[in-house]
Amino acid sequence: MNQWIFLRHGESIANQQRVFSGHQDVELTEHGREQAIQAGVQIKQLLRGQVPHTAWSSDLIRARETATLALSAAHFDCTLNIDPALRERNLGDWQGHCIDALKASGERDILLTWKGHAPGGESLADISLRAVQLLKSLPQQGPILIVAHGGLIRALVGLLDGTDREQIGRVNIPNAQPIERWVSDVRWTQIFRELSG
C-alpha cells in the first residue's frame, strides 16, 4: 500500500470572486498563499518524517504555486513534476461565469452528475480518465503528493472510496486541506480499466 496525499490549491482569485475558472489560469489570493504554506506543515505531519517519493502538480498556476509553497514550507527537497492531465475540468462556455447565477438558474446541477458537463466542457468521467491514465503510470513506491483542483480530486477520491459515481459530484473538497489515502499498487490500473470499459 502506498500513501497518497491529495491537495487542492489554495484560494484563488476566481474562488474569491465566486466564478468558474476551469482551464483559465488564475492566481492565488494572499489568503490562498497562506493556506498553501499551512498545508505544507500539515503534509509534513502526515508523512511522519518521510519525504514524498514524487510530487506532481497540475500545470495551472494556482496549483503549481500551491505545490511550490507547500513543499518549501515542509522543507521537502524533491522535484515538482508538472502535468496538464491533473488540470481542473474544462468548463467550456461557463469559464469566467458567476457560480451563484448558474446555481440559481439550476444549470450548475449538471456538473454534479458523473457524465454531465458545461457546454463545450468536460465531465467528471472525462477528467477521471485522463488523470488516472497518468496516475497508474507513476512508480508505486513511497509517498506521492498530488496537487490539483477540487473537481479532479473529488473524482479521484470518490473513485478510490467506492462512492456511487452519481454522488461523487457532491463531495466537498476544501481548499488546501490535505487528503490522505492508502492505495494498493494495482488500484489505479483497476480503476482505469473500469473507466475504460
N, C-alpha and C. Protein backbone atom coordinates (compact mmCIF):
# COMPACT_ATOMS: atom_id res chain seq x y z
N MET A 1 0.85 -1.20 0.00
CA MET A 1 0.00 0.00 0.00
C MET A 1 0.88 1.24 0.00
N ASN A 2 0.50 2.20 -0.81
CA ASN A 2 1.23 3.45 -0.92
C ASN A 2 0.44 4.59 -0.30
N GLN A 3 1.13 5.50 0.34
CA GLN A 3 0.49 6.68 0.91
C GLN A 3 0.40 7.76 -0.17
N TRP A 4 -0.82 8.20 -0.44
CA TRP A 4 -1.06 9.28 -1.40
C TRP A 4 -1.65 10.46 -0.64
N ILE A 5 -1.14 11.65 -0.94
CA ILE A 5 -1.68 12.89 -0.37
C ILE A 5 -2.21 13.73 -1.53
N PHE A 6 -3.49 14.04 -1.47
CA PHE A 6 -4.12 14.90 -2.48
C PHE A 6 -4.34 16.27 -1.87
N LEU A 7 -3.98 17.30 -2.61
CA LEU A 7 -4.12 18.66 -2.10
C LEU A 7 -4.74 19.56 -3.16
N ARG A 8 -5.89 20.12 -2.83
CA ARG A 8 -6.48 21.14 -3.71
C ARG A 8 -5.71 22.44 -3.48
N HIS A 9 -5.56 23.22 -4.54
CA HIS A 9 -4.86 24.51 -4.43
C HIS A 9 -5.51 25.42 -3.38
N GLY A 10 -4.76 26.39 -2.92
CA GLY A 10 -5.29 27.39 -2.01
C GLY A 10 -6.31 28.28 -2.71
N GLU A 11 -6.94 29.15 -1.93
CA GLU A 11 -7.96 30.03 -2.50
C GLU A 11 -7.41 30.82 -3.68
N SER A 12 -8.12 30.76 -4.80
CA SER A 12 -7.72 31.51 -5.99
C SER A 12 -8.57 32.79 -6.10
N ILE A 13 -8.16 33.66 -6.98
CA ILE A 13 -8.94 34.87 -7.23
C ILE A 13 -10.34 34.50 -7.70
N ALA A 14 -10.45 33.45 -8.53
CA ALA A 14 -11.76 33.01 -9.02
C ALA A 14 -12.62 32.47 -7.87
N ASN A 15 -11.99 31.72 -6.94
CA ASN A 15 -12.73 31.25 -5.76
C ASN A 15 -13.28 32.44 -4.97
N GLN A 16 -12.42 33.42 -4.77
CA GLN A 16 -12.80 34.61 -4.01
C GLN A 16 -13.96 35.36 -4.68
N GLN A 17 -13.92 35.41 -6.01
CA GLN A 17 -14.95 36.15 -6.76
C GLN A 17 -16.17 35.31 -7.11
N ARG A 18 -16.13 34.02 -6.73
CA ARG A 18 -17.25 33.10 -6.99
C ARG A 18 -17.55 32.96 -8.48
N VAL A 19 -16.47 32.76 -9.26
CA VAL A 19 -16.65 32.49 -10.69
C VAL A 19 -15.96 31.18 -11.04
N PHE A 20 -16.46 30.50 -12.07
CA PHE A 20 -15.84 29.27 -12.55
C PHE A 20 -14.56 29.63 -13.31
N SER A 21 -13.48 28.93 -13.00
CA SER A 21 -12.23 29.17 -13.72
C SER A 21 -11.88 28.03 -14.68
N GLY A 22 -12.11 26.78 -14.27
CA GLY A 22 -11.81 25.66 -15.17
C GLY A 22 -10.36 25.70 -15.63
N HIS A 23 -10.15 25.79 -16.95
CA HIS A 23 -8.80 25.82 -17.51
C HIS A 23 -8.20 27.22 -17.53
N GLN A 24 -8.95 28.23 -17.12
CA GLN A 24 -8.37 29.57 -17.08
C GLN A 24 -7.29 29.62 -16.01
N ASP A 25 -6.21 30.34 -16.31
CA ASP A 25 -5.08 30.41 -15.38
C ASP A 25 -5.27 31.60 -14.45
N VAL A 26 -5.71 31.34 -13.23
CA VAL A 26 -5.93 32.40 -12.25
C VAL A 26 -5.00 32.18 -11.06
N GLU A 27 -4.53 33.27 -10.50
CA GLU A 27 -3.56 33.19 -9.41
C GLU A 27 -4.23 33.00 -8.05
N LEU A 28 -3.40 32.65 -7.09
CA LEU A 28 -3.86 32.55 -5.71
C LEU A 28 -4.07 33.94 -5.12
N THR A 29 -4.97 34.03 -4.15
CA THR A 29 -5.06 35.23 -3.33
C THR A 29 -3.97 35.15 -2.26
N GLU A 30 -3.79 36.24 -1.52
CA GLU A 30 -2.82 36.21 -0.43
C GLU A 30 -3.23 35.16 0.60
N HIS A 31 -4.53 35.07 0.85
CA HIS A 31 -5.04 34.04 1.77
C HIS A 31 -4.73 32.64 1.24
N GLY A 32 -4.86 32.47 -0.08
CA GLY A 32 -4.55 31.18 -0.70
C GLY A 32 -3.09 30.80 -0.52
N ARG A 33 -2.20 31.78 -0.58
CA ARG A 33 -0.77 31.51 -0.36
C ARG A 33 -0.52 31.09 1.09
N GLU A 34 -1.19 31.75 2.01
CA GLU A 34 -1.06 31.37 3.42
C GLU A 34 -1.60 29.96 3.65
N GLN A 35 -2.70 29.63 2.99
CA GLN A 35 -3.26 28.28 3.11
C GLN A 35 -2.27 27.23 2.59
N ALA A 36 -1.60 27.55 1.48
CA ALA A 36 -0.65 26.60 0.89
C ALA A 36 0.52 26.33 1.84
N ILE A 37 1.00 27.38 2.50
CA ILE A 37 2.10 27.23 3.46
C ILE A 37 1.65 26.35 4.63
N GLN A 38 0.45 26.61 5.14
CA GLN A 38 -0.07 25.81 6.25
C GLN A 38 -0.26 24.35 5.82
N ALA A 39 -0.70 24.15 4.57
CA ALA A 39 -0.87 22.79 4.06
C ALA A 39 0.45 22.03 4.05
N GLY A 40 1.53 22.73 3.72
CA GLY A 40 2.85 22.09 3.74
C GLY A 40 3.20 21.56 5.11
N VAL A 41 2.89 22.34 6.14
CA VAL A 41 3.14 21.91 7.52
C VAL A 41 2.30 20.67 7.84
N GLN A 42 1.04 20.68 7.41
CA GLN A 42 0.16 19.54 7.67
C GLN A 42 0.64 18.28 6.94
N ILE A 43 1.10 18.46 5.71
CA ILE A 43 1.59 17.31 4.93
C ILE A 43 2.83 16.71 5.60
N LYS A 44 3.70 17.57 6.09
CA LYS A 44 4.90 17.07 6.80
C LYS A 44 4.49 16.20 7.99
N GLN A 45 3.46 16.63 8.71
CA GLN A 45 2.98 15.84 9.85
C GLN A 45 2.39 14.51 9.38
N LEU A 46 1.64 14.53 8.29
CA LEU A 46 1.04 13.30 7.77
C LEU A 46 2.11 12.29 7.34
N LEU A 47 3.21 12.79 6.81
CA LEU A 47 4.26 11.89 6.30
C LEU A 47 5.22 11.41 7.40
N ARG A 48 5.08 11.94 8.61
CA ARG A 48 5.83 11.46 9.77
C ARG A 48 7.33 11.27 9.50
N GLY A 49 7.95 12.32 9.00
CA GLY A 49 9.40 12.28 8.78
C GLY A 49 9.83 11.79 7.42
N GLN A 50 8.90 11.26 6.64
CA GLN A 50 9.26 10.85 5.28
C GLN A 50 9.17 12.05 4.33
N VAL A 51 9.80 11.91 3.19
CA VAL A 51 9.73 12.90 2.11
C VAL A 51 8.95 12.27 0.97
N PRO A 52 8.12 13.04 0.26
CA PRO A 52 7.41 12.43 -0.89
C PRO A 52 8.40 11.77 -1.85
N HIS A 53 8.07 10.55 -2.27
CA HIS A 53 8.89 9.91 -3.29
C HIS A 53 8.79 10.69 -4.59
N THR A 54 7.59 11.20 -4.85
CA THR A 54 7.36 12.01 -6.03
C THR A 54 6.25 13.00 -5.75
N ALA A 55 6.35 14.19 -6.33
CA ALA A 55 5.33 15.24 -6.17
C ALA A 55 4.91 15.71 -7.56
N TRP A 56 3.60 15.80 -7.74
CA TRP A 56 3.03 16.17 -9.04
C TRP A 56 2.02 17.29 -8.88
N SER A 57 1.96 18.14 -9.89
CA SER A 57 1.00 19.25 -9.87
C SER A 57 0.40 19.44 -11.26
N SER A 58 -0.81 19.95 -11.26
CA SER A 58 -1.41 20.49 -12.47
C SER A 58 -0.51 21.60 -13.01
N ASP A 59 -0.61 21.87 -14.29
CA ASP A 59 0.20 22.94 -14.88
C ASP A 59 -0.40 24.33 -14.66
N LEU A 60 -1.62 24.42 -14.12
CA LEU A 60 -2.24 25.73 -13.89
C LEU A 60 -1.60 26.40 -12.68
N ILE A 61 -1.41 27.72 -12.76
CA ILE A 61 -0.59 28.43 -11.78
C ILE A 61 -1.09 28.30 -10.35
N ARG A 62 -2.41 28.23 -10.16
CA ARG A 62 -2.92 28.14 -8.79
C ARG A 62 -2.49 26.85 -8.11
N ALA A 63 -2.38 25.78 -8.88
CA ALA A 63 -1.90 24.50 -8.32
C ALA A 63 -0.38 24.50 -8.19
N ARG A 64 0.31 24.98 -9.22
CA ARG A 64 1.77 25.00 -9.18
C ARG A 64 2.30 25.84 -8.02
N GLU A 65 1.68 27.01 -7.82
CA GLU A 65 2.15 27.86 -6.73
C GLU A 65 1.84 27.22 -5.37
N THR A 66 0.69 26.61 -5.26
CA THR A 66 0.34 25.91 -4.02
C THR A 66 1.36 24.82 -3.73
N ALA A 67 1.68 24.03 -4.74
CA ALA A 67 2.64 22.93 -4.57
C ALA A 67 4.01 23.46 -4.16
N THR A 68 4.47 24.50 -4.83
CA THR A 68 5.79 25.07 -4.53
C THR A 68 5.85 25.61 -3.11
N LEU A 69 4.81 26.33 -2.70
CA LEU A 69 4.78 26.89 -1.34
C LEU A 69 4.69 25.78 -0.29
N ALA A 70 3.87 24.76 -0.55
CA ALA A 70 3.71 23.67 0.41
C ALA A 70 5.01 22.88 0.56
N LEU A 71 5.66 22.56 -0.54
CA LEU A 71 6.92 21.81 -0.48
C LEU A 71 7.99 22.61 0.27
N SER A 72 8.03 23.91 0.01
CA SER A 72 9.01 24.77 0.68
C SER A 72 8.73 24.85 2.19
N ALA A 73 7.46 25.01 2.56
CA ALA A 73 7.10 25.11 3.97
C ALA A 73 7.42 23.83 4.73
N ALA A 74 7.31 22.70 4.03
CA ALA A 74 7.60 21.40 4.65
C ALA A 74 9.09 21.06 4.61
N HIS A 75 9.88 21.90 3.92
CA HIS A 75 11.33 21.66 3.75
C HIS A 75 11.58 20.33 3.04
N PHE A 76 10.73 20.02 2.05
CA PHE A 76 10.93 18.83 1.24
C PHE A 76 11.81 19.18 0.04
N ASP A 77 12.89 18.46 -0.10
CA ASP A 77 13.78 18.68 -1.24
C ASP A 77 13.46 17.62 -2.29
N CYS A 78 12.42 17.86 -3.06
CA CYS A 78 12.07 16.92 -4.12
C CYS A 78 11.59 17.69 -5.34
N THR A 79 11.76 17.08 -6.48
CA THR A 79 11.36 17.71 -7.74
C THR A 79 9.85 17.76 -7.85
N LEU A 80 9.34 18.90 -8.33
CA LEU A 80 7.91 19.01 -8.59
C LEU A 80 7.68 18.74 -10.08
N ASN A 81 6.95 17.67 -10.36
CA ASN A 81 6.61 17.32 -11.74
C ASN A 81 5.28 18.00 -12.11
N ILE A 82 5.20 18.48 -13.33
CA ILE A 82 4.02 19.21 -13.79
C ILE A 82 3.37 18.45 -14.94
N ASP A 83 2.04 18.28 -14.89
CA ASP A 83 1.36 17.58 -15.99
C ASP A 83 -0.05 18.14 -16.17
N PRO A 84 -0.42 18.48 -17.42
CA PRO A 84 -1.77 19.00 -17.68
C PRO A 84 -2.87 17.97 -17.46
N ALA A 85 -2.52 16.70 -17.33
CA ALA A 85 -3.54 15.68 -17.04
C ALA A 85 -4.18 15.92 -15.68
N LEU A 86 -3.52 16.72 -14.83
CA LEU A 86 -4.04 16.99 -13.49
C LEU A 86 -4.83 18.31 -13.42
N ARG A 87 -5.11 18.88 -14.57
CA ARG A 87 -5.89 20.13 -14.61
C ARG A 87 -7.32 19.93 -14.08
N GLU A 88 -7.90 21.06 -13.69
CA GLU A 88 -9.32 21.09 -13.38
C GLU A 88 -10.11 20.75 -14.63
N ARG A 89 -11.38 20.39 -14.47
CA ARG A 89 -12.20 20.12 -15.64
C ARG A 89 -12.37 21.39 -16.45
N ASN A 90 -12.35 21.22 -17.77
CA ASN A 90 -12.64 22.33 -18.67
C ASN A 90 -14.13 22.64 -18.54
N LEU A 91 -14.45 23.88 -18.21
CA LEU A 91 -15.84 24.27 -18.03
C LEU A 91 -16.40 25.01 -19.24
N GLY A 92 -15.69 24.91 -20.35
CA GLY A 92 -16.23 25.39 -21.62
C GLY A 92 -16.79 26.80 -21.56
N ASP A 93 -18.03 26.94 -22.01
CA ASP A 93 -18.67 28.26 -22.09
C ASP A 93 -18.90 28.90 -20.72
N TRP A 94 -18.81 28.11 -19.64
CA TRP A 94 -19.09 28.65 -18.32
C TRP A 94 -17.85 29.21 -17.62
N GLN A 95 -16.69 29.06 -18.23
CA GLN A 95 -15.48 29.60 -17.61
C GLN A 95 -15.59 31.12 -17.52
N GLY A 96 -15.34 31.65 -16.33
CA GLY A 96 -15.46 33.08 -16.11
C GLY A 96 -16.85 33.54 -15.70
N HIS A 97 -17.81 32.59 -15.65
CA HIS A 97 -19.19 32.94 -15.30
C HIS A 97 -19.44 32.79 -13.80
N CYS A 98 -20.41 33.54 -13.32
CA CYS A 98 -20.75 33.56 -11.90
C CYS A 98 -21.35 32.22 -11.46
N ILE A 99 -20.74 31.59 -10.47
CA ILE A 99 -21.22 30.30 -9.96
C ILE A 99 -22.63 30.43 -9.39
N ASP A 100 -22.86 31.47 -8.61
CA ASP A 100 -24.16 31.61 -7.94
C ASP A 100 -25.30 31.83 -8.94
N ALA A 101 -25.03 32.52 -10.04
CA ALA A 101 -26.07 32.73 -11.05
C ALA A 101 -26.43 31.41 -11.73
N LEU A 102 -25.43 30.58 -12.04
CA LEU A 102 -25.68 29.28 -12.67
C LEU A 102 -26.35 28.32 -11.69
N LYS A 103 -26.03 28.49 -10.41
CA LYS A 103 -26.68 27.67 -9.38
C LYS A 103 -28.14 28.07 -9.24
N ALA A 104 -28.41 29.38 -9.21
CA ALA A 104 -29.78 29.87 -9.06
C ALA A 104 -30.68 29.46 -10.23
N SER A 105 -30.09 29.40 -11.43
CA SER A 105 -30.87 29.02 -12.62
C SER A 105 -31.07 27.51 -12.71
N GLY A 106 -30.33 26.76 -11.89
CA GLY A 106 -30.42 25.30 -11.93
C GLY A 106 -29.48 24.67 -12.95
N GLU A 107 -28.81 25.49 -13.76
CA GLU A 107 -27.92 24.96 -14.80
C GLU A 107 -26.71 24.24 -14.21
N ARG A 108 -26.20 24.73 -13.09
CA ARG A 108 -25.00 24.16 -12.49
C ARG A 108 -25.19 22.71 -12.07
N ASP A 109 -26.43 22.31 -11.83
CA ASP A 109 -26.70 20.95 -11.34
C ASP A 109 -26.14 19.85 -12.24
N ILE A 110 -26.01 20.15 -13.53
CA ILE A 110 -25.48 19.15 -14.47
C ILE A 110 -24.04 18.78 -14.11
N LEU A 111 -23.31 19.70 -13.46
CA LEU A 111 -21.92 19.44 -13.09
C LEU A 111 -21.80 18.46 -11.93
N LEU A 112 -22.89 18.25 -11.21
CA LEU A 112 -22.87 17.32 -10.08
C LEU A 112 -22.99 15.87 -10.53
N THR A 113 -23.39 15.66 -11.77
CA THR A 113 -23.56 14.29 -12.29
C THR A 113 -22.24 13.77 -12.85
N TRP A 114 -22.14 12.46 -13.01
CA TRP A 114 -20.90 11.83 -13.45
C TRP A 114 -20.54 12.18 -14.89
N LYS A 115 -21.52 12.18 -15.76
CA LYS A 115 -21.23 12.40 -17.19
C LYS A 115 -21.70 13.75 -17.71
N GLY A 116 -22.31 14.56 -16.84
CA GLY A 116 -22.79 15.87 -17.26
C GLY A 116 -21.64 16.86 -17.38
N HIS A 117 -21.81 17.85 -18.24
CA HIS A 117 -20.75 18.84 -18.44
C HIS A 117 -21.34 20.17 -18.89
N ALA A 118 -20.56 21.22 -18.68
CA ALA A 118 -20.93 22.54 -19.18
C ALA A 118 -20.86 22.51 -20.70
N PRO A 119 -21.56 23.42 -21.38
CA PRO A 119 -21.46 23.47 -22.85
C PRO A 119 -19.99 23.63 -23.29
N GLY A 120 -19.51 22.66 -24.06
CA GLY A 120 -18.13 22.69 -24.53
C GLY A 120 -17.11 22.27 -23.50
N GLY A 121 -17.57 21.70 -22.37
CA GLY A 121 -16.65 21.35 -21.29
C GLY A 121 -16.50 19.86 -21.07
N GLU A 122 -15.86 19.51 -19.96
CA GLU A 122 -15.60 18.11 -19.61
C GLU A 122 -16.50 17.67 -18.46
N SER A 123 -16.74 16.38 -18.41
CA SER A 123 -17.48 15.77 -17.29
C SER A 123 -16.48 15.23 -16.26
N LEU A 124 -17.01 14.82 -15.11
CA LEU A 124 -16.17 14.15 -14.12
C LEU A 124 -15.58 12.86 -14.68
N ALA A 125 -16.37 12.16 -15.50
CA ALA A 125 -15.87 10.94 -16.15
C ALA A 125 -14.68 11.25 -17.05
N ASP A 126 -14.76 12.35 -17.79
CA ASP A 126 -13.68 12.74 -18.71
C ASP A 126 -12.39 13.02 -17.96
N ILE A 127 -12.48 13.82 -16.88
CA ILE A 127 -11.25 14.20 -16.19
C ILE A 127 -10.66 13.03 -15.41
N SER A 128 -11.53 12.13 -14.95
CA SER A 128 -11.04 10.95 -14.24
C SER A 128 -10.19 10.09 -15.15
N LEU A 129 -10.66 9.89 -16.36
CA LEU A 129 -9.94 9.03 -17.31
C LEU A 129 -8.57 9.60 -17.62
N ARG A 130 -8.49 10.92 -17.89
CA ARG A 130 -7.19 11.49 -18.23
C ARG A 130 -6.23 11.50 -17.06
N ALA A 131 -6.75 11.72 -15.83
CA ALA A 131 -5.87 11.75 -14.67
C ALA A 131 -5.41 10.35 -14.27
N VAL A 132 -6.33 9.39 -14.26
CA VAL A 132 -5.97 8.03 -13.85
C VAL A 132 -4.98 7.41 -14.83
N GLN A 133 -5.07 7.78 -16.09
CA GLN A 133 -4.09 7.29 -17.07
C GLN A 133 -2.67 7.71 -16.65
N LEU A 134 -2.53 8.91 -16.11
CA LEU A 134 -1.23 9.35 -15.60
C LEU A 134 -0.88 8.63 -14.29
N LEU A 135 -1.82 8.59 -13.35
CA LEU A 135 -1.52 8.06 -12.02
C LEU A 135 -1.11 6.59 -12.06
N LYS A 136 -1.71 5.81 -12.93
CA LYS A 136 -1.35 4.39 -13.00
C LYS A 136 0.06 4.19 -13.54
N SER A 137 0.60 5.21 -14.21
CA SER A 137 1.95 5.09 -14.78
C SER A 137 3.04 5.52 -13.81
N LEU A 138 2.67 6.11 -12.68
CA LEU A 138 3.67 6.58 -11.72
C LEU A 138 4.28 5.41 -10.94
N PRO A 139 5.56 5.51 -10.55
CA PRO A 139 6.16 4.48 -9.71
C PRO A 139 5.38 4.38 -8.40
N GLN A 140 4.95 3.19 -8.07
CA GLN A 140 4.13 2.99 -6.87
C GLN A 140 5.02 2.62 -5.69
N GLN A 141 5.86 3.57 -5.29
CA GLN A 141 6.74 3.33 -4.15
C GLN A 141 6.92 4.62 -3.38
N GLY A 142 6.72 4.55 -2.09
CA GLY A 142 6.88 5.74 -1.25
C GLY A 142 5.71 6.70 -1.38
N PRO A 143 5.66 7.71 -0.50
CA PRO A 143 4.55 8.66 -0.52
C PRO A 143 4.51 9.47 -1.82
N ILE A 144 3.30 9.76 -2.28
CA ILE A 144 3.10 10.51 -3.52
C ILE A 144 2.19 11.69 -3.21
N LEU A 145 2.61 12.89 -3.62
CA LEU A 145 1.84 14.10 -3.43
C LEU A 145 1.26 14.55 -4.77
N ILE A 146 -0.05 14.77 -4.79
CA ILE A 146 -0.75 15.26 -5.98
C ILE A 146 -1.41 16.59 -5.62
N VAL A 147 -1.01 17.66 -6.29
CA VAL A 147 -1.60 18.98 -6.06
C VAL A 147 -2.40 19.36 -7.30
N ALA A 148 -3.71 19.53 -7.10
CA ALA A 148 -4.57 19.74 -8.26
C ALA A 148 -5.76 20.63 -7.89
N HIS A 149 -6.95 20.21 -8.27
CA HIS A 149 -8.13 21.07 -8.23
C HIS A 149 -9.32 20.31 -7.62
N GLY A 150 -10.31 21.08 -7.17
CA GLY A 150 -11.45 20.49 -6.48
C GLY A 150 -12.18 19.43 -7.28
N GLY A 151 -12.49 19.74 -8.53
CA GLY A 151 -13.23 18.78 -9.35
C GLY A 151 -12.46 17.49 -9.57
N LEU A 152 -11.18 17.62 -9.86
CA LEU A 152 -10.35 16.45 -10.13
C LEU A 152 -10.16 15.60 -8.88
N ILE A 153 -9.84 16.24 -7.76
CA ILE A 153 -9.62 15.49 -6.52
C ILE A 153 -10.92 14.85 -6.06
N ARG A 154 -12.03 15.55 -6.22
CA ARG A 154 -13.35 14.99 -5.88
C ARG A 154 -13.55 13.67 -6.64
N ALA A 155 -13.24 13.67 -7.92
CA ALA A 155 -13.43 12.46 -8.73
C ALA A 155 -12.48 11.35 -8.30
N LEU A 156 -11.20 11.67 -8.10
CA LEU A 156 -10.21 10.64 -7.75
C LEU A 156 -10.48 10.02 -6.39
N VAL A 157 -10.75 10.85 -5.40
CA VAL A 157 -11.02 10.34 -4.06
C VAL A 157 -12.33 9.55 -4.04
N GLY A 158 -13.32 10.04 -4.78
CA GLY A 158 -14.58 9.31 -4.88
C GLY A 158 -14.40 7.93 -5.47
N LEU A 159 -13.58 7.83 -6.51
CA LEU A 159 -13.32 6.52 -7.13
C LEU A 159 -12.56 5.61 -6.17
N LEU A 160 -11.57 6.14 -5.47
CA LEU A 160 -10.82 5.33 -4.50
C LEU A 160 -11.72 4.83 -3.38
N ASP A 161 -12.63 5.68 -2.95
CA ASP A 161 -13.50 5.34 -1.82
C ASP A 161 -14.70 4.49 -2.22
N GLY A 162 -14.88 4.27 -3.53
CA GLY A 162 -16.03 3.48 -3.98
C GLY A 162 -17.35 4.23 -3.86
N THR A 163 -17.31 5.55 -3.86
CA THR A 163 -18.52 6.36 -3.80
C THR A 163 -19.33 6.14 -5.08
N ASP A 164 -20.65 6.07 -4.93
CA ASP A 164 -21.51 5.97 -6.10
C ASP A 164 -21.18 7.11 -7.05
N ARG A 165 -20.96 6.80 -8.31
CA ARG A 165 -20.47 7.82 -9.25
C ARG A 165 -21.41 9.01 -9.37
N GLU A 166 -22.69 8.79 -9.25
CA GLU A 166 -23.63 9.91 -9.35
C GLU A 166 -23.62 10.79 -8.10
N GLN A 167 -22.94 10.33 -7.05
CA GLN A 167 -22.83 11.14 -5.83
C GLN A 167 -21.46 11.82 -5.70
N ILE A 168 -20.51 11.42 -6.52
CA ILE A 168 -19.15 11.97 -6.41
C ILE A 168 -19.15 13.49 -6.58
N GLY A 169 -19.97 14.00 -7.47
CA GLY A 169 -20.01 15.44 -7.72
C GLY A 169 -20.45 16.26 -6.52
N ARG A 170 -21.00 15.61 -5.51
CA ARG A 170 -21.48 16.33 -4.33
C ARG A 170 -20.47 16.32 -3.18
N VAL A 171 -19.34 15.64 -3.37
CA VAL A 171 -18.32 15.57 -2.33
C VAL A 171 -17.60 16.91 -2.23
N ASN A 172 -17.49 17.44 -1.02
CA ASN A 172 -16.83 18.73 -0.82
C ASN A 172 -15.33 18.54 -0.65
N ILE A 173 -14.56 19.29 -1.42
CA ILE A 173 -13.09 19.26 -1.33
C ILE A 173 -12.63 20.68 -0.98
N PRO A 174 -12.29 20.94 0.29
CA PRO A 174 -11.90 22.30 0.68
C PRO A 174 -10.54 22.69 0.09
N ASN A 175 -10.33 23.98 -0.02
CA ASN A 175 -9.03 24.48 -0.47
C ASN A 175 -7.94 24.12 0.53
N ALA A 176 -6.82 23.65 0.01
CA ALA A 176 -5.57 23.48 0.77
C ALA A 176 -5.71 22.63 2.03
N GLN A 177 -6.55 21.61 1.97
CA GLN A 177 -6.68 20.66 3.09
C GLN A 177 -6.20 19.29 2.61
N PRO A 178 -5.04 18.83 3.07
CA PRO A 178 -4.51 17.55 2.59
C PRO A 178 -5.49 16.40 2.87
N ILE A 179 -5.63 15.54 1.87
CA ILE A 179 -6.47 14.35 1.97
C ILE A 179 -5.57 13.13 1.77
N GLU A 180 -5.55 12.25 2.75
CA GLU A 180 -4.67 11.08 2.71
C GLU A 180 -5.46 9.82 2.35
N ARG A 181 -4.89 9.04 1.45
CA ARG A 181 -5.45 7.73 1.13
C ARG A 181 -4.30 6.74 0.98
N TRP A 182 -4.56 5.49 1.35
CA TRP A 182 -3.59 4.41 1.15
C TRP A 182 -4.10 3.58 -0.02
N VAL A 183 -3.26 3.43 -1.03
CA VAL A 183 -3.69 2.87 -2.31
C VAL A 183 -2.81 1.67 -2.67
N SER A 184 -3.43 0.56 -3.02
CA SER A 184 -2.66 -0.62 -3.42
C SER A 184 -1.96 -0.37 -4.76
N ASP A 185 -0.92 -1.15 -5.02
CA ASP A 185 -0.10 -0.96 -6.22
C ASP A 185 -0.91 -1.09 -7.51
N VAL A 186 -1.97 -1.88 -7.48
CA VAL A 186 -2.72 -2.14 -8.73
C VAL A 186 -4.03 -1.35 -8.81
N ARG A 187 -4.34 -0.55 -7.78
CA ARG A 187 -5.67 0.08 -7.72
C ARG A 187 -5.92 1.04 -8.88
N TRP A 188 -4.94 1.87 -9.24
CA TRP A 188 -5.17 2.82 -10.33
C TRP A 188 -5.38 2.09 -11.66
N THR A 189 -4.66 1.00 -11.86
CA THR A 189 -4.86 0.21 -13.08
C THR A 189 -6.26 -0.38 -13.11
N GLN A 190 -6.73 -0.87 -11.97
CA GLN A 190 -8.10 -1.41 -11.90
C GLN A 190 -9.13 -0.32 -12.20
N ILE A 191 -8.94 0.85 -11.62
CA ILE A 191 -9.88 1.96 -11.86
C ILE A 191 -9.85 2.37 -13.33
N PHE A 192 -8.66 2.41 -13.92
CA PHE A 192 -8.56 2.77 -15.34
C PHE A 192 -9.34 1.79 -16.21
N ARG A 193 -9.24 0.50 -15.90
CA ARG A 193 -9.96 -0.50 -16.68
C ARG A 193 -11.47 -0.31 -16.52
N GLU A 194 -11.91 0.01 -15.29
CA GLU A 194 -13.33 0.23 -15.06
C GLU A 194 -13.82 1.45 -15.84
N LEU A 195 -13.02 2.51 -15.86
CA LEU A 195 -13.40 3.74 -16.56
C LEU A 195 -13.40 3.53 -18.07
N SER A 196 -12.48 2.70 -18.55
CA SER A 196 -12.36 2.48 -20.00
C SER A 196 -13.37 1.48 -20.54
N GLY A 197 -13.93 0.66 -19.65
CA GLY A 197 -14.80 -0.43 -20.08
C GLY A 197 -16.18 0.00 -20.54
